[in-house]
Amino acid sequence: MKFEDHCNESIIKLGKPFKEVHFWLDEFMGAPGIGARHRRKRHHLEGIAEVRRLFGDRAAEAARLHIIADLKMEGWKEYDHFPTDENDYVNMGLF
């Protein structure tokens, strides 16, 4: 999902774009050799907890929505196990 799409979903569901959250979650996307594999770094429960610590409870909900949207792009379903941390994410075969 594109940055703008994540922001628009946040506006629709939470009333504001939470740009700082989406930037933070995708910070490693431009790192050499990482690309979509950046998701393993912060797209999990540990990442949501860090967003909560850095930006607050509402921001954590924006992070959860962002991560779910991206997981679905990889074939994840709502009833599937939600990754807990980077190792779990990788062990699930998600990158």
PDB file of N, CA and C in Angstrom:
ATOM      1  N   MET A   1       0.849  -1.171   0.000  1.00  0.00           N
ATOM      2  CA  MET A   1       0.000   0.000   0.000  1.00  0.00           C
ATOM      3  C   MET A   1       0.897   1.238   0.000  1.00  0.00           C
ATOM      4  N   LYS A   2       0.510   2.241  -0.710  1.00  0.00           N
ATOM      5  CA  LYS A   2       1.289   3.475  -0.786  1.00  0.00           C
ATOM      6  C   LYS A   2       1.091   4.329   0.466  1.00  0.00           C
ATOM      7  N   PHE A   3       2.068   5.191   0.722  1.00  0.00           N
ATOM      8  CA  PHE A   3       2.022   6.097   1.866  1.00  0.00           C
ATOM      9  C   PHE A   3       0.697   6.866   1.899  1.00  0.00           C
ATOM     10  N   GLU A   4       0.312   7.420   0.768  1.00  0.00           N
ATOM     11  CA  GLU A   4      -0.916   8.223   0.691  1.00  0.00           C
ATOM     12  C   GLU A   4      -2.134   7.377   1.041  1.00  0.00           C
ATOM     13  N   ASP A   5      -2.134   6.119   0.617  1.00  0.00           N
ATOM     14  CA  ASP A   5      -3.256   5.231   0.925  1.00  0.00           C
ATOM     15  C   ASP A   5      -3.351   4.958   2.423  1.00  0.00           C
ATOM     16  N   HIS A   6      -2.202   4.756   3.062  1.00  0.00           N
ATOM     17  CA  HIS A   6      -2.193   4.549   4.513  1.00  0.00           C
ATOM     18  C   HIS A   6      -2.731   5.798   5.217  1.00  0.00           C
ATOM     19  N   CYS A   7      -2.282   6.972   4.777  1.00  0.00           N
ATOM     20  CA  CYS A   7      -2.757   8.224   5.381  1.00  0.00           C
ATOM     21  C   CYS A   7      -4.253   8.397   5.180  1.00  0.00           C
ATOM     22  N   ASN A   8      -4.746   8.105   3.982  1.00  0.00           N
ATOM     23  CA  ASN A   8      -6.182   8.239   3.708  1.00  0.00           C
ATOM     24  C   ASN A   8      -7.009   7.276   4.552  1.00  0.00           C
ATOM     25  N   GLU A   9      -6.538   6.044   4.712  1.00  0.00           N
ATOM     26  CA  GLU A   9      -7.253   5.092   5.562  1.00  0.00           C
ATOM     27  C   GLU A   9      -7.302   5.604   7.003  1.00  0.00           C
ATOM     28  N   SER A  10      -6.201   6.184   7.471  1.00  0.00           N
ATOM     29  CA  SER A  10      -6.165   6.727   8.830  1.00  0.00           C
ATOM     30  C   SER A  10      -7.138   7.886   8.991  1.00  0.00           C
ATOM     31  N   ILE A  11      -7.225   8.739   7.972  1.00  0.00           N
ATOM     32  CA  ILE A  11      -8.171   9.862   8.025  1.00  0.00           C
ATOM     33  C   ILE A  11      -9.594   9.334   8.112  1.00  0.00           C
ATOM     34  N   ILE A  12      -9.922   8.369   7.264  1.00  0.00           N
ATOM     35  CA  ILE A  12     -11.285   7.813   7.229  1.00  0.00           C
ATOM     36  C   ILE A  12     -11.644   7.133   8.550  1.00  0.00           C
ATOM     37  N   LYS A  13     -10.722   6.337   9.091  1.00  0.00           N
ATOM     38  CA  LYS A  13     -11.040   5.526  10.263  1.00  0.00           C
ATOM     39  C   LYS A  13     -10.697   6.185  11.593  1.00  0.00           C
ATOM     40  N   LEU A  14      -9.726   7.125  11.577  1.00  0.00           N
ATOM     41  CA  LEU A  14      -9.259   7.705  12.841  1.00  0.00           C
ATOM     42  C   LEU A  14      -9.308   9.233  12.884  1.00  0.00           C
ATOM     43  N   GLY A  15      -9.643   9.855  11.757  1.00  0.00           N
ATOM     44  CA  GLY A  15      -9.831  11.299  11.754  1.00  0.00           C
ATOM     45  C   GLY A  15      -8.599  12.141  11.471  1.00  0.00           C
ATOM     46  N   LYS A  16      -7.437  11.520  11.306  1.00  0.00           N
ATOM     47  CA  LYS A  16      -6.223  12.251  10.951  1.00  0.00           C
ATOM     48  C   LYS A  16      -5.255  11.309  10.247  1.00  0.00           C
ATOM     49  N   PRO A  17      -4.279  11.844   9.501  1.00  0.00           N
ATOM     50  CA  PRO A  17      -3.434  10.996   8.660  1.00  0.00           C
ATOM     51  C   PRO A  17      -2.350  10.194   9.377  1.00  0.00           C
ATOM     52  N   PHE A  18      -1.897  10.625  10.519  1.00  0.00           N
ATOM     53  CA  PHE A  18      -0.820   9.946  11.249  1.00  0.00           C
ATOM     54  C   PHE A  18       0.404   9.709  10.366  1.00  0.00           C
ATOM     55  N   LYS A  19       0.800  10.750   9.637  1.00  0.00           N
ATOM     56  CA  LYS A  19       1.949  10.659   8.729  1.00  0.00           C
ATOM     57  C   LYS A  19       3.204  10.169   9.440  1.00  0.00           C
ATOM     58  N   GLU A  20       3.431  10.669  10.657  1.00  0.00           N
ATOM     59  CA  GLU A  20       4.641  10.298  11.386  1.00  0.00           C
ATOM     60  C   GLU A  20       4.702   8.795  11.651  1.00  0.00           C
ATOM     61  N   VAL A  21       3.558   8.177  11.866  1.00  0.00           N
ATOM     62  CA  VAL A  21       3.493   6.734  12.114  1.00  0.00           C
ATOM     63  C   VAL A  21       3.843   5.965  10.844  1.00  0.00           C
ATOM     64  N   HIS A  22       3.254   6.376   9.728  1.00  0.00           N
ATOM     65  CA  HIS A  22       3.494   5.674   8.467  1.00  0.00           C
ATOM     66  C   HIS A  22       4.942   5.848   8.001  1.00  0.00           C
ATOM     67  N   PHE A  23       5.491   7.032   8.198  1.00  0.00           N
ATOM     68  CA  PHE A  23       6.919   7.238   7.897  1.00  0.00           C
ATOM     69  C   PHE A  23       7.777   6.328   8.770  1.00  0.00           C
ATOM     70  N   TRP A  24       7.484   6.281  10.062  1.00  0.00           N
ATOM     71  CA  TRP A  24       8.272   5.477  10.998  1.00  0.00           C
ATOM     72  C   TRP A  24       8.213   3.990  10.641  1.00  0.00           C
ATOM     73  N   LEU A  25       7.000   3.486  10.352  1.00  0.00           N
ATOM     74  CA  LEU A  25       6.853   2.068  10.022  1.00  0.00           C
ATOM     75  C   LEU A  25       7.635   1.685   8.761  1.00  0.00           C
ATOM     76  N   ASP A  26       7.673   2.588   7.804  1.00  0.00           N
ATOM     77  CA  ASP A  26       8.306   2.292   6.517  1.00  0.00           C
ATOM     78  C   ASP A  26       9.702   2.894   6.369  1.00  0.00           C
ATOM     79  N   GLU A  27      10.294   3.306   7.467  1.00  0.00           N
ATOM     80  CA  GLU A  27      11.593   3.985   7.444  1.00  0.00           C
ATOM     81  C   GLU A  27      12.676   3.207   6.692  1.00  0.00           C
ATOM     82  N   PHE A  28      12.678   1.894   6.794  1.00  0.00           N
ATOM     83  CA  PHE A  28      13.739   1.086   6.191  1.00  0.00           C
ATOM     84  C   PHE A  28      13.456   0.698   4.741  1.00  0.00           C
ATOM     85  N   MET A  29      12.317   1.123   4.193  1.00  0.00           N
ATOM     86  CA  MET A  29      11.932   0.725   2.853  1.00  0.00           C
ATOM     87  C   MET A  29      12.973   1.127   1.803  1.00  0.00           C
ATOM     88  N   GLY A  30      13.598   2.274   1.952  1.00  0.00           N
ATOM     89  CA  GLY A  30      14.560   2.743   0.970  1.00  0.00           C
ATOM     90  C   GLY A  30      15.983   2.273   1.206  1.00  0.00           C
ATOM     91  N   ALA A  31      16.198   1.490   2.239  1.00  0.00           N
ATOM     92  CA  ALA A  31      17.549   1.010   2.541  1.00  0.00           C
ATOM     93  C   ALA A  31      18.007   0.026   1.461  1.00  0.00           C
ATOM     94  N   PRO A  32      19.262   0.106   1.059  1.00  0.00           N
ATOM     95  CA  PRO A  32      19.767  -0.774   0.005  1.00  0.00           C
ATOM     96  C   PRO A  32      19.529  -2.258   0.314  1.00  0.00           C
ATOM     97  N   GLY A  33      18.982  -2.966  -0.684  1.00  0.00           N
ATOM     98  CA  GLY A  33      18.775  -4.401  -0.561  1.00  0.00           C
ATOM     99  C   GLY A  33      17.610  -4.829   0.303  1.00  0.00           C
ATOM    100  N   ILE A  34      16.804  -3.893   0.785  1.00  0.00           N
ATOM    101  CA  ILE A  34      15.713  -4.274   1.690  1.00  0.00           C
ATOM    102  C   ILE A  34      14.363  -4.245   0.979  1.00  0.00           C
ATOM    103  N   GLY A  35      13.971  -3.135   0.375  1.00  0.00           N
ATOM    104  CA  GLY A  35      12.687  -3.032  -0.325  1.00  0.00           C
ATOM    105  C   GLY A  35      11.527  -3.418   0.565  1.00  0.00           C
ATOM    106  N   ALA A  36      10.645  -4.308   0.074  1.00  0.00           N
ATOM    107  CA  ALA A  36       9.461  -4.731   0.838  1.00  0.00           C
ATOM    108  C   ALA A  36       9.850  -5.499   2.091  1.00  0.00           C
ATOM    109  N   ARG A  37      11.075  -6.001   2.148  1.00  0.00           N
ATOM    110  CA  ARG A  37      11.512  -6.723   3.348  1.00  0.00           C
ATOM    111  C   ARG A  37      11.613  -5.800   4.572  1.00  0.00           C
ATOM    112  N   HIS A  38      11.488  -4.499   4.354  1.00  0.00           N
ATOM    113  CA  HIS A  38      11.516  -3.560   5.481  1.00  0.00           C
ATOM    114  C   HIS A  38      10.415  -3.879   6.484  1.00  0.00           C
ATOM    115  N   ARG A  39       9.354  -4.517   6.027  1.00  0.00           N
ATOM    116  CA  ARG A  39       8.210  -4.784   6.905  1.00  0.00           C
ATOM    117  C   ARG A  39       8.586  -5.667   8.079  1.00  0.00           C
ATOM    118  N   ARG A  40       9.549  -6.515   7.919  1.00  0.00           N
ATOM    119  CA  ARG A  40       9.955  -7.404   9.014  1.00  0.00           C
ATOM    120  C   ARG A  40      10.478  -6.618  10.216  1.00  0.00           C
ATOM    121  N   LYS A  41      10.942  -5.392   9.997  1.00  0.00           N
ATOM    122  CA  LYS A  41      11.543  -4.582  11.063  1.00  0.00           C
ATOM    123  C   LYS A  41      10.508  -4.046  12.056  1.00  0.00           C
ATOM    124  N   ARG A  42       9.347  -3.621  11.554  1.00  0.00           N
ATOM    125  CA  ARG A  42       8.395  -2.945  12.447  1.00  0.00           C
ATOM    126  C   ARG A  42       6.939  -3.333  12.250  1.00  0.00           C
ATOM    127  N   HIS A  43       6.635  -4.210  11.311  1.00  0.00           N
ATOM    128  CA  HIS A  43       5.249  -4.565  11.007  1.00  0.00           C
ATOM    129  C   HIS A  43       4.814  -5.784  11.831  1.00  0.00           C
ATOM    130  N   HIS A  44       4.724  -5.575  13.144  1.00  0.00           N
ATOM    131  CA  HIS A  44       4.357  -6.647  14.068  1.00  0.00           C
ATOM    132  C   HIS A  44       3.929  -6.022  15.395  1.00  0.00           C
ATOM    133  N   LEU A  45       3.525  -6.852  16.349  1.00  0.00           N
ATOM    134  CA  LEU A  45       3.045  -6.347  17.645  1.00  0.00           C
ATOM    135  C   LEU A  45       4.108  -5.517  18.375  1.00  0.00           C
ATOM    136  N   GLU A  46       5.352  -5.940  18.291  1.00  0.00           N
ATOM    137  CA  GLU A  46       6.432  -5.178  18.922  1.00  0.00           C
ATOM    138  C   GLU A  46       6.526  -3.769  18.313  1.00  0.00           C
ATOM    139  N   GLY A  47       6.332  -3.673  16.995  1.00  0.00           N
ATOM    140  CA  GLY A  47       6.335  -2.372  16.320  1.00  0.00           C
ATOM    141  C   GLY A  47       5.177  -1.499  16.774  1.00  0.00           C
ATOM    142  N   ILE A  48       4.001  -2.101  16.938  1.00  0.00           N
ATOM    143  CA  ILE A  48       2.841  -1.345  17.424  1.00  0.00           C
ATOM    144  C   ILE A  48       3.102  -0.828  18.831  1.00  0.00           C
ATOM    145  N   ALA A  49       3.700  -1.645  19.675  1.00  0.00           N
ATOM    146  CA  ALA A  49       4.022  -1.211  21.046  1.00  0.00           C
ATOM    147  C   ALA A  49       4.991  -0.038  21.027  1.00  0.00           C
ATOM    148  N   GLU A  50       5.950  -0.065  20.111  1.00  0.00           N
ATOM    149  CA  GLU A  50       6.910   1.038  20.009  1.00  0.00           C
ATOM    150  C   GLU A  50       6.228   2.304  19.503  1.00  0.00           C
ATOM    151  N   VAL A  51       5.306   2.175  18.563  1.00  0.00           N
ATOM    152  CA  VAL A  51       4.529   3.332  18.101  1.00  0.00           C
ATOM    153  C   VAL A  51       3.738   3.914  19.270  1.00  0.00           C
ATOM    154  N   ARG A  52       3.133   3.052  20.075  1.00  0.00           N
ATOM    155  CA  ARG A  52       2.367   3.525  21.243  1.00  0.00           C
ATOM    156  C   ARG A  52       3.273   4.321  22.179  1.00  0.00           C
ATOM    157  N   ARG A  53       4.472   3.819  22.420  1.00  0.00           N
ATOM    158  CA  ARG A  53       5.417   4.503  23.293  1.00  0.00           C
ATOM    159  C   ARG A  53       5.852   5.852  22.703  1.00  0.00           C
ATOM    160  N   LEU A  54       6.092   5.882  21.405  1.00  0.00           N
ATOM    161  CA  LEU A  54       6.587   7.100  20.754  1.00  0.00           C
ATOM    162  C   LEU A  54       5.500   8.136  20.478  1.00  0.00           C
ATOM    163  N   PHE A  55       4.302   7.664  20.050  1.00  0.00           N
ATOM    164  CA  PHE A  55       3.295   8.578  19.520  1.00  0.00           C
ATOM    165  C   PHE A  55       1.931   8.522  20.211  1.00  0.00           C
ATOM    166  N   GLY A  56       1.680   7.506  21.046  1.00  0.00           N
ATOM    167  CA  GLY A  56       0.414   7.438  21.765  1.00  0.00           C
ATOM    168  C   GLY A  56      -0.523   6.336  21.279  1.00  0.00           C
ATOM    169  N   ASP A  57      -1.628   6.187  21.999  1.00  0.00           N
ATOM    170  CA  ASP A  57      -2.575   5.102  21.751  1.00  0.00           C
ATOM    171  C   ASP A  57      -3.255   5.191  20.393  1.00  0.00           C
ATOM    172  N   ARG A  58      -3.697   6.371  20.001  1.00  0.00           N
ATOM    173  CA  ARG A  58      -4.371   6.516  18.697  1.00  0.00           C
ATOM    174  C   ARG A  58      -3.404   6.214  17.560  1.00  0.00           C
ATOM    175  N   ALA A  59      -2.169   6.617  17.725  1.00  0.00           N
ATOM    176  CA  ALA A  59      -1.144   6.331  16.718  1.00  0.00           C
ATOM    177  C   ALA A  59      -0.913   4.821  16.613  1.00  0.00           C
ATOM    178  N   ALA A  60      -0.989   4.114  17.733  1.00  0.00           N
ATOM    179  CA  ALA A  60      -0.830   2.661  17.717  1.00  0.00           C
ATOM    180  C   ALA A  60      -1.935   2.013  16.895  1.00  0.00           C
ATOM    181  N   GLU A  61      -3.143   2.560  16.957  1.00  0.00           N
ATOM    182  CA  GLU A  61      -4.232   2.042  16.138  1.00  0.00           C
ATOM    183  C   GLU A  61      -3.950   2.298  14.657  1.00  0.00           C
ATOM    184  N   ALA A  62      -3.398   3.452  14.324  1.00  0.00           N
ATOM    185  CA  ALA A  62      -3.011   3.741  12.938  1.00  0.00           C
ATOM    186  C   ALA A  62      -1.947   2.747  12.479  1.00  0.00           C
ATOM    187  N   ALA A  63      -1.007   2.423  13.353  1.00  0.00           N
ATOM    188  CA  ALA A  63       0.029   1.444  13.026  1.00  0.00           C
ATOM    189  C   ALA A  63      -0.590   0.078  12.774  1.00  0.00           C
ATOM    190  N   ARG A  64      -1.533  -0.315  13.608  1.00  0.00           N
ATOM    191  CA  ARG A  64      -2.201  -1.610  13.436  1.00  0.00           C
ATOM    192  C   ARG A  64      -2.908  -1.679  12.082  1.00  0.00           C
ATOM    193  N   LEU A  65      -3.611  -0.612  11.716  1.00  0.00           N
ATOM    194  CA  LEU A  65      -4.296  -0.569  10.419  1.00  0.00           C
ATOM    195  C   LEU A  65      -3.290  -0.656   9.269  1.00  0.00           C
ATOM    196  N   HIS A  66      -2.204   0.069   9.375  1.00  0.00           N
ATOM    197  CA  HIS A  66      -1.144   0.072   8.357  1.00  0.00           C
ATOM    198  C   HIS A  66      -0.595  -1.341   8.184  1.00  0.00           C
ATOM    199  N   ILE A  67      -0.269  -1.966   9.295  1.00  0.00           N
ATOM    200  CA  ILE A  67       0.340  -3.305   9.248  1.00  0.00           C
ATOM    201  C   ILE A  67      -0.636  -4.321   8.668  1.00  0.00           C
ATOM    202  N   ILE A  68      -1.884  -4.271   9.077  1.00  0.00           N
ATOM    203  CA  ILE A  68      -2.886  -5.195   8.546  1.00  0.00           C
ATOM    204  C   ILE A  68      -3.021  -5.023   7.033  1.00  0.00           C
ATOM    205  N   ALA A  69      -3.078  -3.787   6.559  1.00  0.00           N
ATOM    206  CA  ALA A  69      -3.193  -3.543   5.118  1.00  0.00           C
ATOM    207  C   ALA A  69      -2.006  -4.144   4.372  1.00  0.00           C
ATOM    208  N   ASP A  70      -0.813  -3.970   4.911  1.00  0.00           N
ATOM    209  CA  ASP A  70       0.382  -4.510   4.256  1.00  0.00           C
ATOM    210  C   ASP A  70       0.442  -6.033   4.351  1.00  0.00           C
ATOM    211  N   LEU A  71       0.055  -6.588   5.484  1.00  0.00           N
ATOM    212  CA  LEU A  71       0.034  -8.044   5.618  1.00  0.00           C
ATOM    213  C   LEU A  71      -0.925  -8.674   4.611  1.00  0.00           C
ATOM    214  N   LYS A  72      -2.059  -8.036   4.416  1.00  0.00           N
ATOM    215  CA  LYS A  72      -3.039  -8.562   3.462  1.00  0.00           C
ATOM    216  C   LYS A  72      -2.459  -8.589   2.053  1.00  0.00           C
ATOM    217  N   MET A  73      -1.586  -7.649   1.731  1.00  0.00           N
ATOM    218  CA  MET A  73      -0.938  -7.638   0.422  1.00  0.00           C
ATOM    219  C   MET A  73      -0.028  -8.855   0.252  1.00  0.00           C
ATOM    220  N   GLU A  74       0.390  -9.455   1.355  1.00  0.00           N
ATOM    221  CA  GLU A  74       1.248 -10.633   1.325  1.00  0.00           C
ATOM    222  C   GLU A  74       0.451 -11.929   1.473  1.00  0.00           C
ATOM    223  N   GLY A  75      -0.885 -11.823   1.486  1.00  0.00           N
ATOM    224  CA  GLY A  75      -1.727 -13.008   1.568  1.00  0.00           C
ATOM    225  C   GLY A  75      -2.226 -13.351   2.958  1.00  0.00           C
ATOM    226  N   TRP A  76      -1.888 -12.540   3.942  1.00  0.00           N
ATOM    227  CA  TRP A  76      -2.317 -12.758   5.320  1.00  0.00           C
ATOM    228  C   TRP A  76      -3.823 -12.510   5.423  1.00  0.00           C
ATOM    229  N   LYS A  77      -4.489 -13.278   6.268  1.00  0.00           N
ATOM    230  CA  LYS A  77      -5.930 -13.117   6.510  1.00  0.00           C
ATOM    231  C   LYS A  77      -6.156 -12.723   7.966  1.00  0.00           C
ATOM    232  N   GLU A  78      -7.257 -12.055   8.249  1.00  0.00           N
ATOM    233  CA  GLU A  78      -7.574 -11.557   9.593  1.00  0.00           C
ATOM    234  C   GLU A  78      -7.539 -12.659  10.650  1.00  0.00           C
ATOM    235  N   TYR A  79      -7.868 -13.888  10.286  1.00  0.00           N
ATOM    236  CA  TYR A  79      -7.884 -14.988  11.249  1.00  0.00           C
ATOM    237  C   TYR A  79      -6.502 -15.618  11.436  1.00  0.00           C
ATOM    238  N   ASP A  80      -5.512 -15.212  10.619  1.00  0.00           N
ATOM    239  CA  ASP A  80      -4.152 -15.736  10.758  1.00  0.00           C
ATOM    240  C   ASP A  80      -3.469 -15.150  11.987  1.00  0.00           C
ATOM    241  N   HIS A  81      -2.458 -15.829  12.433  1.00  0.00           N
ATOM    242  CA  HIS A  81      -1.618 -15.364  13.542  1.00  0.00           C
ATOM    243  C   HIS A  81      -1.033 -13.995  13.190  1.00  0.00           C
ATOM    244  N   PHE A  82      -1.077 -13.055  14.128  1.00  0.00           N
ATOM    245  CA  PHE A  82      -0.496 -11.722  13.921  1.00  0.00           C
ATOM    246  C   PHE A  82       0.957 -11.791  14.386  1.00  0.00           C
ATOM    247  N   PRO A  83       1.908 -11.390  13.538  1.00  0.00           N
ATOM    248  CA  PRO A  83       3.319 -11.505  13.920  1.00  0.00           C
ATOM    249  C   PRO A  83       3.638 -10.708  15.185  1.00  0.00           C
ATOM    250  N   THR A  84       4.429 -11.306  16.064  1.00  0.00           N
ATOM    251  CA  THR A  84       4.748 -10.664  17.340  1.00  0.00           C
ATOM    252  C   THR A  84       5.999  -9.803  17.279  1.00  0.00           C
ATOM    253  N   ASP A  85       6.985 -10.238  16.487  1.00  0.00           N
ATOM    254  CA  ASP A  85       8.245  -9.499  16.384  1.00  0.00           C
ATOM    255  C   ASP A  85       8.913  -9.868  15.059  1.00  0.00           C
ATOM    256  N   GLU A  86      10.106  -9.363  14.823  1.00  0.00           N
ATOM    257  CA  GLU A  86      10.789  -9.596  13.548  1.00  0.00           C
ATOM    258  C   GLU A  86      11.009 -11.079  13.274  1.00  0.00           C
ATOM    259  N   ASN A  87      11.461 -11.834  14.257  1.00  0.00           N
ATOM    260  CA  ASN A  87      11.702 -13.263  14.055  1.00  0.00           C
ATOM    261  C   ASN A  87      10.414 -14.001  13.711  1.00  0.00           C
ATOM    262  N   ASP A  88       9.346 -13.686  14.408  1.00  0.00           N
ATOM    263  CA  ASP A  88       8.059 -14.314  14.144  1.00  0.00           C
ATOM    264  C   ASP A  88       7.597 -13.972  12.728  1.00  0.00           C
ATOM    265  N   TYR A  89       7.754 -12.728  12.341  1.00  0.00           N
ATOM    266  CA  TYR A  89       7.383 -12.275  10.997  1.00  0.00           C
ATOM    267  C   TYR A  89       8.096 -13.124   9.946  1.00  0.00           C
ATOM    268  N   VAL A  90       9.386 -13.285  10.103  1.00  0.00           N
ATOM    269  CA  VAL A  90      10.189 -14.072   9.159  1.00  0.00           C
ATOM    270  C   VAL A  90       9.784 -15.547   9.210  1.00  0.00           C
ATOM    271  N   ASN A  91       9.596 -16.090  10.418  1.00  0.00           N
ATOM    272  CA  ASN A  91       9.217 -17.491  10.567  1.00  0.00           C
ATOM    273  C   ASN A  91       7.861 -17.802   9.938  1.00  0.00           C
ATOM    274  N   MET A  92       7.017 -16.781   9.830  1.00  0.00           N
ATOM    275  CA  MET A  92       5.712 -16.948   9.187  1.00  0.00           C
ATOM    276  C   MET A  92       5.849 -16.976   7.662  1.00  0.00           C
ATOM    277  N   GLY A  93       7.052 -16.739   7.173  1.00  0.00           N
ATOM    278  CA  GLY A  93       7.285 -16.741   5.727  1.00  0.00           C
ATOM    279  C   GLY A  93       6.919 -15.432   5.056  1.00  0.00           C
ATOM    280  N   LEU A  94       6.873 -14.361   5.841  1.00  0.00           N
ATOM    281  CA  LEU A  94       6.453 -13.064   5.307  1.00  0.00           C
ATOM    282  C   LEU A  94       7.606 -12.189   4.828  1.00  0.00           C
ATOM    283  N   PHE A  95       8.801 -12.642   4.858  1.00  0.00           N
ATOM    284  CA  PHE A  95      10.040 -11.963   4.424  1.00  0.00           C
ATOM    285  C   PHE A  95      11.017 -12.136   5.544  1.00  0.00           C
TER     286      PHE A  95
END
